[in-house]
Amino acid sequence: MTSFNLKSDPRRRTFVRLIGDIRHALNEALAEEHARRKLTKADIAKALKTNKSFITRKLSGESNMTLATLADLAYALDRTIKITLPGRDALDSVNSIVELQEPDPLDHGSGDKPIVDVSARSG
């Protein structure tokens, strides 16, 4: 098995930072949506027709995430994905290279209801 030294492998550091930024953005968005409309991992799983353990594994880093999964999770969170690629010298001044943005309230093209509606959930 190959071992990576993060201090000496800038390519690996770039990968680890990207994965960390993605997971952080997803978990932050979930916390915001939970506070706003009580959205849970179970709600996301239901919207994506999968099980809660799949969502938990992706958000915790227990399993790899594809771009398709990232897009699905952003969809379920009613967020858009924004990725920036700053120059290497600017990277230290950038907080994150991945953001999940809330929908624009002035964009009426997508409707007023969130993609995953938990307002009718009982309990």
Protein backbone atom coordinates (compact mmCIF):
# COMPACT_ATOMS: atom_id res chain seq x y z
CA MET A 1 0.00 0.00 0.00
CA THR A 2 1.32 3.44 -0.92
CA SER A 3 1.64 5.97 1.84
CA PHE A 4 1.41 9.70 1.16
CA ASN A 5 3.36 12.33 3.01
CA LEU A 6 1.21 15.47 2.91
CA LYS A 7 4.21 17.73 3.56
CA SER A 8 6.10 16.52 0.51
CA ASP A 9 3.30 15.82 -1.95
CA PRO A 10 1.60 19.03 -3.14
CA ARG A 11 -0.60 17.07 -5.54
CA ARG A 12 -2.03 15.01 -2.68
CA ARG A 13 -2.47 18.16 -0.54
CA THR A 14 -4.54 19.69 -3.35
CA PHE A 15 -6.76 16.60 -3.42
CA VAL A 16 -7.18 16.44 0.36
CA ARG A 17 -8.06 20.14 0.51
CA LEU A 18 -10.66 19.78 -2.26
CA ILE A 19 -12.34 16.81 -0.58
CA GLY A 20 -12.31 18.63 2.76
CA ASP A 21 -13.81 21.77 1.23
CA ILE A 22 -16.57 19.76 -0.46
CA ARG A 23 -17.52 17.90 2.70
CA HIS A 24 -17.38 21.07 4.78
CA ALA A 25 -19.62 22.93 2.32
CA LEU A 26 -22.15 20.07 2.23
CA ASN A 27 -22.31 19.70 6.01
CA GLU A 28 -22.59 23.46 6.49
CA ALA A 29 -25.45 23.62 3.96
CA LEU A 30 -27.20 20.71 5.70
CA ALA A 31 -26.90 22.46 9.07
CA GLU A 32 -28.36 25.65 7.58
CA GLU A 33 -31.23 23.79 5.92
CA HIS A 34 -31.91 21.82 9.10
CA ALA A 35 -32.14 25.08 11.07
CA ARG A 36 -34.29 26.72 8.38
CA ARG A 37 -36.68 23.91 7.46
CA LYS A 38 -35.77 20.90 9.60
CA LEU A 39 -34.16 19.04 6.67
CA THR A 40 -32.48 15.79 7.77
CA LYS A 41 -30.18 13.21 6.20
CA ALA A 42 -33.20 10.91 6.03
CA ASP A 43 -35.07 13.56 4.00
CA ILE A 44 -32.13 13.86 1.61
CA ALA A 45 -31.96 10.08 1.26
CA LYS A 46 -35.67 9.91 0.48
CA ALA A 47 -35.39 12.65 -2.16
CA LEU A 48 -32.45 10.84 -3.79
CA LYS A 49 -34.11 7.42 -3.47
CA THR A 50 -31.29 5.96 -1.42
CA ASN A 51 -30.77 5.15 2.25
CA LYS A 52 -29.64 7.36 5.09
CA SER A 53 -26.43 5.39 5.63
CA PHE A 54 -25.32 6.24 2.07
CA ILE A 55 -25.79 9.95 2.81
CA THR A 56 -24.00 9.64 6.17
CA ARG A 57 -21.02 7.84 4.59
CA LYS A 58 -20.66 10.52 1.92
CA LEU A 59 -20.93 13.44 4.33
CA SER A 60 -18.55 11.91 6.87
CA GLY A 61 -15.87 10.93 4.37
CA GLU A 62 -16.20 7.21 4.96
CA SER A 63 -16.56 6.63 1.23
CA ASN A 64 -15.50 8.46 -1.91
CA MET A 65 -17.86 10.91 -3.54
CA THR A 66 -18.35 11.24 -7.28
CA LEU A 67 -19.27 14.50 -8.99
CA ALA A 68 -22.69 12.97 -9.65
CA THR A 69 -23.17 12.40 -5.91
CA LEU A 70 -22.03 15.97 -5.18
CA ALA A 71 -24.57 17.26 -7.69
CA ASP A 72 -27.31 15.05 -6.21
CA LEU A 73 -26.60 16.26 -2.69
CA ALA A 74 -26.57 19.90 -3.81
CA TYR A 75 -29.88 19.28 -5.59
CA ALA A 76 -31.44 17.77 -2.46
CA LEU A 77 -30.15 20.71 -0.40
CA ASP A 78 -31.63 23.13 -2.97
CA ARG A 79 -28.19 24.65 -3.54
CA THR A 80 -26.04 25.49 -6.52
CA ILE A 81 -22.38 24.54 -6.67
CA LYS A 82 -19.69 27.14 -7.23
CA ILE A 83 -16.08 26.09 -7.68
CA THR A 84 -13.22 28.56 -8.01
CA LEU A 85 -9.71 27.72 -9.11
CA PRO A 86 -7.45 30.45 -7.72
CA GLY A 87 -3.76 30.54 -8.57
CA ARG A 88 -1.53 28.58 -6.20
CA ASP A 89 -0.08 31.78 -4.72
CA ALA A 90 -3.59 33.02 -3.87
CA LEU A 91 -4.74 29.73 -2.33
CA ASP A 92 -3.71 30.67 1.22
CA SER A 93 -5.96 33.75 1.15
CA VAL A 94 -8.98 31.80 -0.12
CA ASN A 95 -11.25 30.29 2.55
CA SER A 96 -12.68 27.57 0.33
CA ILE A 97 -12.56 26.61 -3.31
CA VAL A 98 -16.02 25.00 -3.18
CA GLU A 99 -19.23 26.74 -2.14
CA LEU A 100 -22.83 25.60 -2.07
CA GLN A 101 -24.90 28.67 -2.66
CA GLU A 102 -28.49 29.24 -1.66
CA PRO A 103 -30.85 29.79 -4.56
CA ASP A 104 -31.34 33.36 -5.70
CA PRO A 105 -34.70 34.55 -4.29
CA LEU A 106 -35.14 36.71 -7.38
CA ASP A 107 -34.82 33.70 -9.69
CA HIS A 108 -38.43 32.73 -10.21
CA GLY A 109 -37.64 30.18 -12.90
CA SER A 110 -37.22 27.28 -10.48
CA GLY A 111 -40.33 27.93 -8.40
CA ASP A 112 -40.72 29.07 -4.84
CA LYS A 113 -40.73 25.67 -3.13
CA PRO A 114 -37.54 23.90 -2.03
CA ILE A 115 -36.68 20.72 -3.89
CA VAL A 116 -37.01 18.63 -0.75
CA ASP A 117 -40.17 19.81 1.00
CA VAL A 118 -40.32 18.68 4.62
CA SER A 119 -43.07 21.10 5.67
CA ALA A 120 -45.76 18.40 5.50
CA ARG A 121 -43.74 15.86 7.48
CA SER A 122 -45.42 14.72 10.66
CA GLY A 123 -43.72 14.65 14.03
